[in-house]
Amino acid sequence: MSETKEGAANPEGPLPERELFIGLVQSFQAAAMQQMGKVMNPFTEKIERDMAHAKLSIEMLEMLRTRTSGNLTGQEARFLNHVLTELRLNFVAEADRDKAEAAKGAEPAPPAPGAGEPPP
């Protein structure tokens, strides 16, 4: 007659580990893209850059790949590798852009709208 809080909160039961893993990777991916200024901060509705935190988010995913080596399905490993490659390329591009702007003596410009957005 009465449902427990657990049953009411998630009537379908716990999410499969695969879905939780993908969600974790996507969470770090979204954080890194936001920290690189590639996407808007949804709370402040501004483009914000924090390259040190972007690097930390990428390093967290690298650590996750190292610690889960041999325990992921082929699809999970490919997804994680794809995300890491995309983030590293974007990080290098942003760092190079900062260096070029610094050489000109100007403030770094915000990235082009939609540049480097993560895939859906």
PDB file of N, CA and C in Angstrom:
ATOM      1  N   MET A   1       0.796  -1.172   0.000  1.00  0.00           N
ATOM      2  CA  MET A   1       0.000   0.000   0.000  1.00  0.00           C
ATOM      3  C   MET A   1       0.853   1.255   0.000  1.00  0.00           C
ATOM      4  N   SER A   2       1.843   1.330   0.861  1.00  0.00           N
ATOM      5  CA  SER A   2       2.713   2.517   0.845  1.00  0.00           C
ATOM      6  C   SER A   2       4.059   2.140   0.251  1.00  0.00           C
ATOM      7  N   GLU A   3       4.562   3.034  -0.604  1.00  0.00           N
ATOM      8  CA  GLU A   3       5.857   2.791  -1.240  1.00  0.00           C
ATOM      9  C   GLU A   3       6.968   3.296  -0.344  1.00  0.00           C
ATOM     10  N   THR A   4       8.109   2.628  -0.403  1.00  0.00           N
ATOM     11  CA  THR A   4       9.264   3.136   0.321  1.00  0.00           C
ATOM     12  C   THR A   4       9.837   4.311  -0.436  1.00  0.00           C
ATOM     13  N   LYS A   5      10.650   5.084   0.225  1.00  0.00           N
ATOM     14  CA  LYS A   5      11.267   6.235  -0.434  1.00  0.00           C
ATOM     15  C   LYS A   5      12.113   5.790  -1.615  1.00  0.00           C
ATOM     16  N   GLU A   6      12.781   4.666  -1.479  1.00  0.00           N
ATOM     17  CA  GLU A   6      13.622   4.171  -2.573  1.00  0.00           C
ATOM     18  C   GLU A   6      12.770   3.824  -3.787  1.00  0.00           C
ATOM     19  N   GLY A   7      11.659   3.163  -3.581  1.00  0.00           N
ATOM     20  CA  GLY A   7      10.796   2.775  -4.679  1.00  0.00           C
ATOM     21  C   GLY A   7      10.173   3.973  -5.365  1.00  0.00           C
ATOM     22  N   ALA A   8       9.831   4.991  -4.601  1.00  0.00           N
ATOM     23  CA  ALA A   8       9.227   6.184  -5.172  1.00  0.00           C
ATOM     24  C   ALA A   8      10.249   6.999  -5.955  1.00  0.00           C
ATOM     25  N   ALA A   9      11.478   7.033  -5.481  1.00  0.00           N
ATOM     26  CA  ALA A   9      12.505   7.838  -6.135  1.00  0.00           C
ATOM     27  C   ALA A   9      12.948   7.218  -7.453  1.00  0.00           C
ATOM     28  N   ASN A  10      13.042   5.921  -7.527  1.00  0.00           N
ATOM     29  CA  ASN A  10      13.515   5.249  -8.729  1.00  0.00           C
ATOM     30  C   ASN A  10      12.736   3.953  -8.910  1.00  0.00           C
ATOM     31  N   PRO A  11      11.533   4.029  -9.493  1.00  0.00           N
ATOM     32  CA  PRO A  11      10.691   2.841  -9.600  1.00  0.00           C
ATOM     33  C   PRO A  11      11.279   1.748 -10.481  1.00  0.00           C
ATOM     34  N   GLU A  12      12.228   2.084 -11.330  1.00  0.00           N
ATOM     35  CA  GLU A  12      12.803   1.089 -12.234  1.00  0.00           C
ATOM     36  C   GLU A  12      14.003   0.379 -11.631  1.00  0.00           C
ATOM     37  N   GLY A  13      14.423   0.756 -10.458  1.00  0.00           N
ATOM     38  CA  GLY A  13      15.577   0.143  -9.828  1.00  0.00           C
ATOM     39  C   GLY A  13      16.847   0.893 -10.169  1.00  0.00           C
ATOM     40  N   PRO A  14      17.970   0.403  -9.677  1.00  0.00           N
ATOM     41  CA  PRO A  14      19.239   1.110  -9.912  1.00  0.00           C
ATOM     42  C   PRO A  14      19.647   1.072 -11.390  1.00  0.00           C
ATOM     43  N   LEU A  15      20.368   2.098 -11.793  1.00  0.00           N
ATOM     44  CA  LEU A  15      20.870   2.140 -13.174  1.00  0.00           C
ATOM     45  C   LEU A  15      21.959   1.084 -13.358  1.00  0.00           C
ATOM     46  N   PRO A  16      22.058   0.538 -14.559  1.00  0.00           N
ATOM     47  CA  PRO A  16      23.138  -0.420 -14.829  1.00  0.00           C
ATOM     48  C   PRO A  16      24.499   0.279 -14.707  1.00  0.00           C
ATOM     49  N   GLU A  17      25.508  -0.485 -14.326  1.00  0.00           N
ATOM     50  CA  GLU A  17      26.850   0.076 -14.158  1.00  0.00           C
ATOM     51  C   GLU A  17      27.349   0.745 -15.427  1.00  0.00           C
ATOM     52  N   ARG A  18      27.017   0.206 -16.585  1.00  0.00           N
ATOM     53  CA  ARG A  18      27.445   0.806 -17.849  1.00  0.00           C
ATOM     54  C   ARG A  18      26.927   2.230 -17.967  1.00  0.00           C
ATOM     55  N   GLU A  19      25.644   2.423 -17.647  1.00  0.00           N
ATOM     56  CA  GLU A  19      25.048   3.757 -17.727  1.00  0.00           C
ATOM     57  C   GLU A  19      25.681   4.702 -16.711  1.00  0.00           C
ATOM     58  N   LEU A  20      25.967   4.209 -15.520  1.00  0.00           N
ATOM     59  CA  LEU A  20      26.626   5.031 -14.503  1.00  0.00           C
ATOM     60  C   LEU A  20      28.032   5.436 -14.951  1.00  0.00           C
ATOM     61  N   PHE A  21      28.764   4.504 -15.552  1.00  0.00           N
ATOM     62  CA  PHE A  21      30.115   4.795 -16.026  1.00  0.00           C
ATOM     63  C   PHE A  21      30.076   5.855 -17.129  1.00  0.00           C
ATOM     64  N   ILE A  22      29.208   5.673 -18.101  1.00  0.00           N
ATOM     65  CA  ILE A  22      29.081   6.644 -19.204  1.00  0.00           C
ATOM     66  C   ILE A  22      28.701   8.012 -18.646  1.00  0.00           C
ATOM     67  N   GLY A  23      27.791   8.045 -17.697  1.00  0.00           N
ATOM     68  CA  GLY A  23      27.388   9.298 -17.072  1.00  0.00           C
ATOM     69  C   GLY A  23      28.528   9.980 -16.348  1.00  0.00           C
ATOM     70  N   LEU A  24      29.356   9.209 -15.672  1.00  0.00           N
ATOM     71  CA  LEU A  24      30.512   9.768 -14.978  1.00  0.00           C
ATOM     72  C   LEU A  24      31.489  10.389 -15.966  1.00  0.00           C
ATOM     73  N   VAL A  25      31.782   9.687 -17.046  1.00  0.00           N
ATOM     74  CA  VAL A  25      32.692  10.200 -18.068  1.00  0.00           C
ATOM     75  C   VAL A  25      32.107  11.466 -18.696  1.00  0.00           C
ATOM     76  N   GLN A  26      30.825  11.449 -19.009  1.00  0.00           N
ATOM     77  CA  GLN A  26      30.188  12.624 -19.609  1.00  0.00           C
ATOM     78  C   GLN A  26      30.197  13.813 -18.645  1.00  0.00           C
ATOM     79  N   SER A  27      30.090  13.544 -17.371  1.00  0.00           N
ATOM     80  CA  SER A  27      30.115  14.619 -16.384  1.00  0.00           C
ATOM     81  C   SER A  27      31.474  15.324 -16.383  1.00  0.00           C
ATOM     82  N   PHE A  28      32.551  14.547 -16.384  1.00  0.00           N
ATOM     83  CA  PHE A  28      33.887  15.146 -16.436  1.00  0.00           C
ATOM     84  C   PHE A  28      34.129  15.823 -17.785  1.00  0.00           C
ATOM     85  N   GLN A  29      33.596  15.243 -18.843  1.00  0.00           N
ATOM     86  CA  GLN A  29      33.739  15.842 -20.175  1.00  0.00           C
ATOM     87  C   GLN A  29      33.064  17.208 -20.209  1.00  0.00           C
ATOM     88  N   ALA A  30      31.837  17.277 -19.730  1.00  0.00           N
ATOM     89  CA  ALA A  30      31.106  18.544 -19.722  1.00  0.00           C
ATOM     90  C   ALA A  30      31.805  19.577 -18.849  1.00  0.00           C
ATOM     91  N   ALA A  31      32.321  19.136 -17.706  1.00  0.00           N
ATOM     92  CA  ALA A  31      33.033  20.061 -16.818  1.00  0.00           C
ATOM     93  C   ALA A  31      34.272  20.618 -17.508  1.00  0.00           C
ATOM     94  N   ALA A  32      35.050  19.762 -18.152  1.00  0.00           N
ATOM     95  CA  ALA A  32      36.275  20.209 -18.823  1.00  0.00           C
ATOM     96  C   ALA A  32      35.953  21.161 -19.969  1.00  0.00           C
ATOM     97  N   MET A  33      34.919  20.872 -20.736  1.00  0.00           N
ATOM     98  CA  MET A  33      34.552  21.753 -21.849  1.00  0.00           C
ATOM     99  C   MET A  33      34.106  23.113 -21.324  1.00  0.00           C
ATOM    100  N   GLN A  34      33.370  23.111 -20.244  1.00  0.00           N
ATOM    101  CA  GLN A  34      32.944  24.371 -19.628  1.00  0.00           C
ATOM    102  C   GLN A  34      34.152  25.124 -19.083  1.00  0.00           C
ATOM    103  N   GLN A  35      35.072  24.419 -18.448  1.00  0.00           N
ATOM    104  CA  GLN A  35      36.261  25.048 -17.865  1.00  0.00           C
ATOM    105  C   GLN A  35      37.201  25.601 -18.931  1.00  0.00           C
ATOM    106  N   MET A  36      37.166  25.031 -20.118  1.00  0.00           N
ATOM    107  CA  MET A  36      37.975  25.554 -21.220  1.00  0.00           C
ATOM    108  C   MET A  36      37.279  26.713 -21.930  1.00  0.00           C
ATOM    109  N   GLY A  37      36.058  27.023 -21.520  1.00  0.00           N
ATOM    110  CA  GLY A  37      35.323  28.108 -22.148  1.00  0.00           C
ATOM    111  C   GLY A  37      34.668  27.706 -23.453  1.00  0.00           C
ATOM    112  N   LYS A  38      34.511  26.423 -23.669  1.00  0.00           N
ATOM    113  CA  LYS A  38      33.891  25.936 -24.904  1.00  0.00           C
ATOM    114  C   LYS A  38      32.374  25.959 -24.838  1.00  0.00           C
ATOM    115  N   VAL A  39      31.834  25.870 -23.638  1.00  0.00           N
ATOM    116  CA  VAL A  39      30.391  25.945 -23.442  1.00  0.00           C
ATOM    117  C   VAL A  39      30.097  26.887 -22.277  1.00  0.00           C
ATOM    118  N   MET A  40      28.900  27.425 -22.277  1.00  0.00           N
ATOM    119  CA  MET A  40      28.500  28.386 -21.261  1.00  0.00           C
ATOM    120  C   MET A  40      28.254  27.696 -19.922  1.00  0.00           C
ATOM    121  N   ASN A  41      28.605  28.383 -18.849  1.00  0.00           N
ATOM    122  CA  ASN A  41      28.281  27.926 -17.504  1.00  0.00           C
ATOM    123  C   ASN A  41      26.768  28.083 -17.335  1.00  0.00           C
ATOM    124  N   PRO A  42      26.038  27.009 -17.086  1.00  0.00           N
ATOM    125  CA  PRO A  42      24.579  27.121 -17.010  1.00  0.00           C
ATOM    126  C   PRO A  42      24.094  27.917 -15.798  1.00  0.00           C
ATOM    127  N   PHE A  43      24.914  28.066 -14.786  1.00  0.00           N
ATOM    128  CA  PHE A  43      24.499  28.790 -13.589  1.00  0.00           C
ATOM    129  C   PHE A  43      24.695  30.299 -13.744  1.00  0.00           C
ATOM    130  N   THR A  44      25.832  30.688 -14.332  1.00  0.00           N
ATOM    131  CA  THR A  44      26.107  32.118 -14.497  1.00  0.00           C
ATOM    132  C   THR A  44      25.683  32.619 -15.872  1.00  0.00           C
ATOM    133  N   GLU A  45      25.419  31.683 -16.778  1.00  0.00           N
ATOM    134  CA  GLU A  45      25.070  31.994 -18.166  1.00  0.00           C
ATOM    135  C   GLU A  45      26.157  32.832 -18.840  1.00  0.00           C
ATOM    136  N   LYS A  46      27.419  32.532 -18.493  1.00  0.00           N
ATOM    137  CA  LYS A  46      28.568  33.208 -19.090  1.00  0.00           C
ATOM    138  C   LYS A  46      29.589  32.164 -19.515  1.00  0.00           C
ATOM    139  N   ILE A  47      30.411  32.552 -20.486  1.00  0.00           N
ATOM    140  CA  ILE A  47      31.549  31.717 -20.858  1.00  0.00           C
ATOM    141  C   ILE A  47      32.661  32.024 -19.855  1.00  0.00           C
ATOM    142  N   GLU A  48      33.120  31.014 -19.175  1.00  0.00           N
ATOM    143  CA  GLU A  48      34.175  31.177 -18.175  1.00  0.00           C
ATOM    144  C   GLU A  48      35.297  30.207 -18.480  1.00  0.00           C
ATOM    145  N   ARG A  49      36.523  30.643 -18.234  1.00  0.00           N
ATOM    146  CA  ARG A  49      37.679  29.781 -18.500  1.00  0.00           C
ATOM    147  C   ARG A  49      38.477  29.580 -17.227  1.00  0.00           C
ATOM    148  N   ASP A  50      38.868  28.348 -17.011  1.00  0.00           N
ATOM    149  CA  ASP A  50      39.733  27.990 -15.893  1.00  0.00           C
ATOM    150  C   ASP A  50      40.541  26.786 -16.367  1.00  0.00           C
ATOM    151  N   MET A  51      41.638  27.086 -17.043  1.00  0.00           N
ATOM    152  CA  MET A  51      42.422  26.021 -17.672  1.00  0.00           C
ATOM    153  C   MET A  51      43.032  25.061 -16.649  1.00  0.00           C
ATOM    154  N   ALA A  52      43.337  25.543 -15.453  1.00  0.00           N
ATOM    155  CA  ALA A  52      43.888  24.653 -14.424  1.00  0.00           C
ATOM    156  C   ALA A  52      42.860  23.595 -14.023  1.00  0.00           C
ATOM    157  N   HIS A  53      41.612  24.000 -13.867  1.00  0.00           N
ATOM    158  CA  HIS A  53      40.576  23.031 -13.524  1.00  0.00           C
ATOM    159  C   HIS A  53      40.228  22.137 -14.712  1.00  0.00           C
ATOM    160  N   ALA A  54      40.318  22.668 -15.924  1.00  0.00           N
ATOM    161  CA  ALA A  54      40.100  21.838 -17.111  1.00  0.00           C
ATOM    162  C   ALA A  54      41.149  20.728 -17.162  1.00  0.00           C
ATOM    163  N   LYS A  55      42.390  21.092 -16.877  1.00  0.00           N
ATOM    164  CA  LYS A  55      43.468  20.094 -16.857  1.00  0.00           C
ATOM    165  C   LYS A  55      43.199  19.035 -15.788  1.00  0.00           C
ATOM    166  N   LEU A  56      42.715  19.472 -14.624  1.00  0.00           N
ATOM    167  CA  LEU A  56      42.404  18.528 -13.556  1.00  0.00           C
ATOM    168  C   LEU A  56      41.282  17.577 -13.975  1.00  0.00           C
ATOM    169  N   SER A  57      40.259  18.071 -14.645  1.00  0.00           N
ATOM    170  CA  SER A  57      39.168  17.208 -15.110  1.00  0.00           C
ATOM    171  C   SER A  57      39.679  16.163 -16.097  1.00  0.00           C
ATOM    172  N   ILE A  58      40.579  16.582 -16.989  1.00  0.00           N
ATOM    173  CA  ILE A  58      41.167  15.643 -17.956  1.00  0.00           C
ATOM    174  C   ILE A  58      42.026  14.613 -17.233  1.00  0.00           C
ATOM    175  N   GLU A  59      42.793  15.065 -16.254  1.00  0.00           N
ATOM    176  CA  GLU A  59      43.637  14.133 -15.483  1.00  0.00           C
ATOM    177  C   GLU A  59      42.788  13.134 -14.703  1.00  0.00           C
ATOM    178  N   MET A  60      41.630  13.563 -14.222  1.00  0.00           N
ATOM    179  CA  MET A  60      40.737  12.632 -13.516  1.00  0.00           C
ATOM    180  C   MET A  60      40.270  11.521 -14.462  1.00  0.00           C
ATOM    181  N   LEU A  61      39.941  11.890 -15.705  1.00  0.00           N
ATOM    182  CA  LEU A  61      39.534  10.873 -16.682  1.00  0.00           C
ATOM    183  C   LEU A  61      40.702   9.960 -17.038  1.00  0.00           C
ATOM    184  N   GLU A  62      41.905  10.518 -17.128  1.00  0.00           N
ATOM    185  CA  GLU A  62      43.078   9.675 -17.392  1.00  0.00           C
ATOM    186  C   GLU A  62      43.300   8.684 -16.258  1.00  0.00           C
ATOM    187  N   MET A  63      43.135   9.143 -15.026  1.00  0.00           N
ATOM    188  CA  MET A  63      43.266   8.255 -13.876  1.00  0.00           C
ATOM    189  C   MET A  63      42.195   7.167 -13.923  1.00  0.00           C
ATOM    190  N   LEU A  64      40.980   7.558 -14.277  1.00  0.00           N
ATOM    191  CA  LEU A  64      39.892   6.592 -14.370  1.00  0.00           C
ATOM    192  C   LEU A  64      40.209   5.523 -15.413  1.00  0.00           C
ATOM    193  N   ARG A  65      40.770   5.940 -16.543  1.00  0.00           N
ATOM    194  CA  ARG A  65      41.137   4.969 -17.581  1.00  0.00           C
ATOM    195  C   ARG A  65      42.206   4.014 -17.069  1.00  0.00           C
ATOM    196  N   THR A  66      43.198   4.548 -16.381  1.00  0.00           N
ATOM    197  CA  THR A  66      44.275   3.709 -15.845  1.00  0.00           C
ATOM    198  C   THR A  66      43.733   2.710 -14.822  1.00  0.00           C
ATOM    199  N   ARG A  67      42.901   3.188 -13.903  1.00  0.00           N
ATOM    200  CA  ARG A  67      42.398   2.348 -12.819  1.00  0.00           C
ATOM    201  C   ARG A  67      41.379   1.313 -13.294  1.00  0.00           C
ATOM    202  N   THR A  68      40.717   1.568 -14.425  1.00  0.00           N
ATOM    203  CA  THR A  68      39.715   0.614 -14.921  1.00  0.00           C
ATOM    204  C   THR A  68      40.244  -0.233 -16.075  1.00  0.00           C
ATOM    205  N   SER A  69      41.518  -0.083 -16.387  1.00  0.00           N
ATOM    206  CA  SER A  69      42.118  -0.827 -17.501  1.00  0.00           C
ATOM    207  C   SER A  69      41.873  -2.330 -17.335  1.00  0.00           C
ATOM    208  N   GLY A  70      41.337  -2.938 -18.381  1.00  0.00           N
ATOM    209  CA  GLY A  70      41.061  -4.373 -18.358  1.00  0.00           C
ATOM    210  C   GLY A  70      39.698  -4.714 -17.793  1.00  0.00           C
ATOM    211  N   ASN A  71      38.989  -3.731 -17.241  1.00  0.00           N
ATOM    212  CA  ASN A  71      37.684  -3.986 -16.642  1.00  0.00           C
ATOM    213  C   ASN A  71      36.530  -3.360 -17.413  1.00  0.00           C
ATOM    214  N   LEU A  72      36.833  -2.702 -18.520  1.00  0.00           N
ATOM    215  CA  LEU A  72      35.796  -2.049 -19.318  1.00  0.00           C
ATOM    216  C   LEU A  72      35.451  -2.892 -20.524  1.00  0.00           C
ATOM    217  N   THR A  73      34.220  -2.749 -20.997  1.00  0.00           N
ATOM    218  CA  THR A  73      33.859  -3.385 -22.260  1.00  0.00           C
ATOM    219  C   THR A  73      34.577  -2.620 -23.368  1.00  0.00           C
ATOM    220  N   GLY A  74      34.621  -3.198 -24.547  1.00  0.00           N
ATOM    221  CA  GLY A  74      35.253  -2.527 -25.677  1.00  0.00           C
ATOM    222  C   GLY A  74      34.598  -1.188 -25.971  1.00  0.00           C
ATOM    223  N   GLN A  75      33.283  -1.149 -25.892  1.00  0.00           N
ATOM    224  CA  GLN A  75      32.550   0.086 -26.163  1.00  0.00           C
ATOM    225  C   GLN A  75      32.860   1.148 -25.110  1.00  0.00           C
ATOM    226  N   GLU A  76      32.917   0.772 -23.853  1.00  0.00           N
ATOM    227  CA  GLU A  76      33.230   1.727 -22.787  1.00  0.00           C
ATOM    228  C   GLU A  76      34.644   2.281 -22.937  1.00  0.00           C
ATOM    229  N   ALA A  77      35.596   1.394 -23.252  1.00  0.00           N
ATOM    230  CA  ALA A  77      36.986   1.827 -23.420  1.00  0.00           C
ATOM    231  C   ALA A  77      37.124   2.761 -24.612  1.00  0.00           C
ATOM    232  N   ARG A  78      36.455   2.447 -25.724  1.00  0.00           N
ATOM    233  CA  ARG A  78      36.506   3.322 -26.896  1.00  0.00           C
ATOM    234  C   ARG A  78      35.890   4.688 -26.596  1.00  0.00           C
ATOM    235  N   PHE A  79      34.783   4.687 -25.866  1.00  0.00           N
ATOM    236  CA  PHE A  79      34.132   5.944 -25.518  1.00  0.00           C
ATOM    237  C   PHE A  79      35.053   6.803 -24.652  1.00  0.00           C
ATOM    238  N   LEU A  80      35.646   6.207 -23.634  1.00  0.00           N
ATOM    239  CA  LEU A  80      36.552   6.943 -22.752  1.00  0.00           C
ATOM    240  C   LEU A  80      37.754   7.465 -23.531  1.00  0.00           C
ATOM    241  N   ASN A  81      38.330   6.646 -24.395  1.00  0.00           N
ATOM    242  CA  ASN A  81      39.468   7.089 -25.210  1.00  0.00           C
ATOM    243  C   ASN A  81      39.074   8.223 -26.150  1.00  0.00           C
ATOM    244  N   HIS A  82      37.888   8.140 -26.739  1.00  0.00           N
ATOM    245  CA  HIS A  82      37.401   9.197 -27.636  1.00  0.00           C
ATOM    246  C   HIS A  82      37.253  10.513 -26.870  1.00  0.00           C
ATOM    247  N   VAL A  83      36.652  10.460 -25.704  1.00  0.00           N
ATOM    248  CA  VAL A  83      36.452  11.665 -24.887  1.00  0.00           C
ATOM    249  C   VAL A  83      37.803  12.265 -24.505  1.00  0.00           C
ATOM    250  N   LEU A  84      38.741  11.423 -24.074  1.00  0.00           N
ATOM    251  CA  LEU A  84      40.062  11.930 -23.697  1.00  0.00           C
ATOM    252  C   LEU A  84      40.775  12.581 -24.875  1.00  0.00           C
ATOM    253  N   THR A  85      40.692  11.961 -26.040  1.00  0.00           N
ATOM    254  CA  THR A  85      41.327  12.530 -27.235  1.00  0.00           C
ATOM    255  C   THR A  85      40.718  13.887 -27.565  1.00  0.00           C
ATOM    256  N   GLU A  86      39.403  13.959 -27.560  1.00  0.00           N
ATOM    257  CA  GLU A  86      38.708  15.216 -27.859  1.00  0.00           C
ATOM    258  C   GLU A  86      39.097  16.304 -26.858  1.00  0.00           C
ATOM    259  N   LEU A  87      39.115  15.964 -25.579  1.00  0.00           N
ATOM    260  CA  LEU A  87      39.449  16.957 -24.559  1.00  0.00           C
ATOM    261  C   LEU A  87      40.897  17.415 -24.673  1.00  0.00           C
ATOM    262  N   ARG A  88      41.802  16.489 -24.919  1.00  0.00           N
ATOM    263  CA  ARG A  88      43.218  16.873 -25.056  1.00  0.00           C
ATOM    264  C   ARG A  88      43.426  17.806 -26.244  1.00  0.00           C
ATOM    265  N   LEU A  89      42.804  17.483 -27.377  1.00  0.00           N
ATOM    266  CA  LEU A  89      42.935  18.338 -28.561  1.00  0.00           C
ATOM    267  C   LEU A  89      42.386  19.735 -28.296  1.00  0.00           C
ATOM    268  N   ASN A  90      41.248  19.811 -27.647  1.00  0.00           N
ATOM    269  CA  ASN A  90      40.671  21.110 -27.311  1.00  0.00           C
ATOM    270  C   ASN A  90      41.540  21.860 -26.310  1.00  0.00           C
ATOM    271  N   PHE A  91      42.107  21.151 -25.352  1.00  0.00           N
ATOM    272  CA  PHE A  91      42.958  21.790 -24.351  1.00  0.00           C
ATOM    273  C   PHE A  91      44.202  22.389 -25.011  1.00  0.00           C
ATOM    274  N   VAL A  92      44.836  21.627 -25.882  1.00  0.00           N
ATOM    275  CA  VAL A  92      46.025  22.120 -26.583  1.00  0.00           C
ATOM    276  C   VAL A  92      45.670  23.320 -27.454  1.00  0.00           C
ATOM    277  N   ALA A  93      44.543  23.260 -28.147  1.00  0.00           N
ATOM    278  CA  ALA A  93      44.122  24.374 -28.991  1.00  0.00           C
ATOM    279  C   ALA A  93      43.901  25.630 -28.153  1.00  0.00           C
ATOM    280  N   GLU A  94      43.273  25.490 -27.005  1.00  0.00           N
ATOM    281  CA  GLU A  94      43.029  26.643 -26.134  1.00  0.00           C
ATOM    282  C   GLU A  94      44.335  27.178 -25.551  1.00  0.00           C
ATOM    283  N   ALA A  95      45.234  26.295 -25.164  1.00  0.00           N
ATOM    284  CA  ALA A  95      46.526  26.728 -24.624  1.00  0.00           C
ATOM    285  C   ALA A  95      47.335  27.452 -25.700  1.00  0.00           C
ATOM    286  N   ASP A  96      47.320  26.931 -26.926  1.00  0.00           N
ATOM    287  CA  ASP A  96      48.023  27.589 -28.034  1.00  0.00           C
ATOM    288  C   ASP A  96      47.409  28.952 -28.331  1.00  0.00           C
ATOM    289  N   ARG A  97      46.087  29.044 -28.254  1.00  0.00           N
ATOM    290  CA  ARG A  97      45.399  30.314 -28.486  1.00  0.00           C
ATOM    291  C   ARG A  97      45.791  31.337 -27.415  1.00  0.00           C
ATOM    292  N   ASP A  98      45.885  30.873 -26.173  1.00  0.00           N
ATOM    293  CA  ASP A  98      46.309  31.759 -25.092  1.00  0.00           C
ATOM    294  C   ASP A  98      47.726  32.268 -25.323  1.00  0.00           C
ATOM    295  N   LYS A  99      48.615  31.375 -25.769  1.00  0.00           N
ATOM    296  CA  LYS A  99      50.001  31.777 -26.037  1.00  0.00           C
ATOM    297  C   LYS A  99      50.067  32.794 -27.163  1.00  0.00           C
ATOM    298  N   ALA A 100      49.292  32.571 -28.211  1.00  0.00           N
ATOM    299  CA  ALA A 100      49.274  33.507 -29.343  1.00  0.00           C
ATOM    300  C   ALA A 100      48.726  34.865 -28.909  1.00  0.00           C
ATOM    301  N   GLU A 101      47.683  34.869 -28.100  1.00  0.00           N
ATOM    302  CA  GLU A 101      47.106  36.118 -27.605  1.00  0.00           C
ATOM    303  C   GLU A 101      48.094  36.837 -26.684  1.00  0.00           C
ATOM    304  N   ALA A 102      48.801  36.084 -25.857  1.00  0.00           N
ATOM    305  CA  ALA A 102      49.776  36.685 -24.953  1.00  0.00           C
ATOM    306  C   ALA A 102      50.924  37.296 -25.742  1.00  0.00           C
ATOM    307  N   ALA A 103      51.313  36.639 -26.840  1.00  0.00           N
ATOM    308  CA  ALA A 103      52.393  37.169 -27.673  1.00  0.00           C
ATOM    309  C   ALA A 103      51.981  38.486 -28.327  1.00  0.00           C
ATOM    310  N   LYS A 104      50.699  38.630 -28.621  1.00  0.00           N
ATOM    311  CA  LYS A 104      50.184  39.866 -29.201  1.00  0.00           C
ATOM    312  C   LYS A 104      49.999  40.936 -28.126  1.00  0.00           C
ATOM    313  N   GLY A 105      49.973  40.525 -26.866  1.00  0.00           N
ATOM    314  CA  GLY A 105      49.765  41.458 -25.780  1.00  0.00           C
ATOM    315  C   GLY A 105      48.316  41.804 -25.556  1.00  0.00           C
ATOM    316  N   ALA A 106      47.414  40.924 -26.011  1.00  0.00           N
ATOM    317  CA  ALA A 106      45.978  41.181 -25.881  1.00  0.00           C
ATOM    318  C   ALA A 106      45.356  40.176 -24.927  1.00  0.00           C
ATOM    319  N   GLU A 107      44.163  40.501 -24.490  1.00  0.00           N
ATOM    320  CA  GLU A 107      43.381  39.582 -23.666  1.00  0.00           C
ATOM    321  C   GLU A 107      42.930  38.406 -24.528  1.00  0.00           C
ATOM    322  N   PRO A 108      42.877  37.179 -23.969  1.00  0.00           N
ATOM    323  CA  PRO A 108      42.364  36.046 -24.752  1.00  0.00           C
ATOM    324  C   PRO A 108      40.898  36.273 -25.127  1.00  0.00           C
ATOM    325  N   ALA A 109      40.605  36.007 -26.378  1.00  0.00           N
ATOM    326  CA  ALA A 109      39.234  36.162 -26.868  1.00  0.00           C
ATOM    327  C   ALA A 109      38.437  34.912 -26.523  1.00  0.00           C
ATOM    328  N   PRO A 110      37.124  35.042 -26.331  1.00  0.00           N
ATOM    329  CA  PRO A 110      36.314  33.846 -26.072  1.00  0.00           C
ATOM    330  C   PRO A 110      36.293  32.966 -27.310  1.00  0.00           C
ATOM    331  N   PRO A 111      36.114  31.661 -27.143  1.00  0.00           N
ATOM    332  CA  PRO A 111      36.077  30.754 -28.292  1.00  0.00           C
ATOM    333  C   PRO A 111      34.867  31.048 -29.168  1.00  0.00           C
ATOM    334  N   ALA A 112      34.973  30.615 -30.409  1.00  0.00           N
ATOM    335  CA  ALA A 112      33.868  30.795 -31.351  1.00  0.00           C
ATOM    336  C   ALA A 112      32.652  30.028 -30.852  1.00  0.00           C
ATOM    337  N   PRO A 113      31.448  30.572 -31.034  1.00  0.00           N
ATOM    338  CA  PRO A 113      30.236  29.869 -30.592  1.00  0.00           C
ATOM    339  C   PRO A 113      30.151  28.497 -31.232  1.00  0.00           C
ATOM    340  N   GLY A 114      29.891  27.499 -30.397  1.00  0.00           N
ATOM    341  CA  GLY A 114      29.714  26.130 -30.879  1.00  0.00           C
ATOM    342  C   GLY A 114      31.012  25.403 -31.145  1.00  0.00           C
ATOM    343  N   ALA A 115      32.150  26.067 -31.001  1.00  0.00           N
ATOM    344  CA  ALA A 115      33.424  25.415 -31.270  1.00  0.00           C
ATOM    345  C   ALA A 115      33.710  24.368 -30.212  1.00  0.00           C
ATOM    346  N   GLY A 116      33.959  23.149 -30.661  1.00  0.00           N
ATOM    347  CA  GLY A 116      34.356  22.076 -29.778  1.00  0.00           C
ATOM    348  C   GLY A 116      33.288  21.578 -28.832  1.00  0.00           C
ATOM    349  N   GLU A 117      32.028  21.767 -29.154  1.00  0.00           N
ATOM    350  CA  GLU A 117      30.978  21.262 -28.276  1.00  0.00           C
ATOM    351  C   GLU A 117      31.002  19.748 -28.283  1.00  0.00           C
ATOM    352  N   PRO A 118      30.762  19.142 -27.108  1.00  0.00           N
ATOM    353  CA  PRO A 118      30.774  17.677 -27.049  1.00  0.00           C
ATOM    354  C   PRO A 118      29.626  17.089 -27.859  1.00  0.00           C
ATOM    355  N   PRO A 119      29.832  15.901 -28.401  1.00  0.00           N
ATOM    356  CA  PRO A 119      28.760  15.272 -29.176  1.00  0.00           C
ATOM    357  C   PRO A 119      27.592  14.915 -28.261  1.00  0.00           C
ATOM    358  N   PRO A 120      26.386  14.865 -28.795  1.00  0.00           N
ATOM    359  CA  PRO A 120      25.211  14.527 -27.967  1.00  0.00           C
ATOM    360  C   PRO A 120      25.278  13.120 -27.449  1.00  0.00           C
TER     361      PRO A 120
END
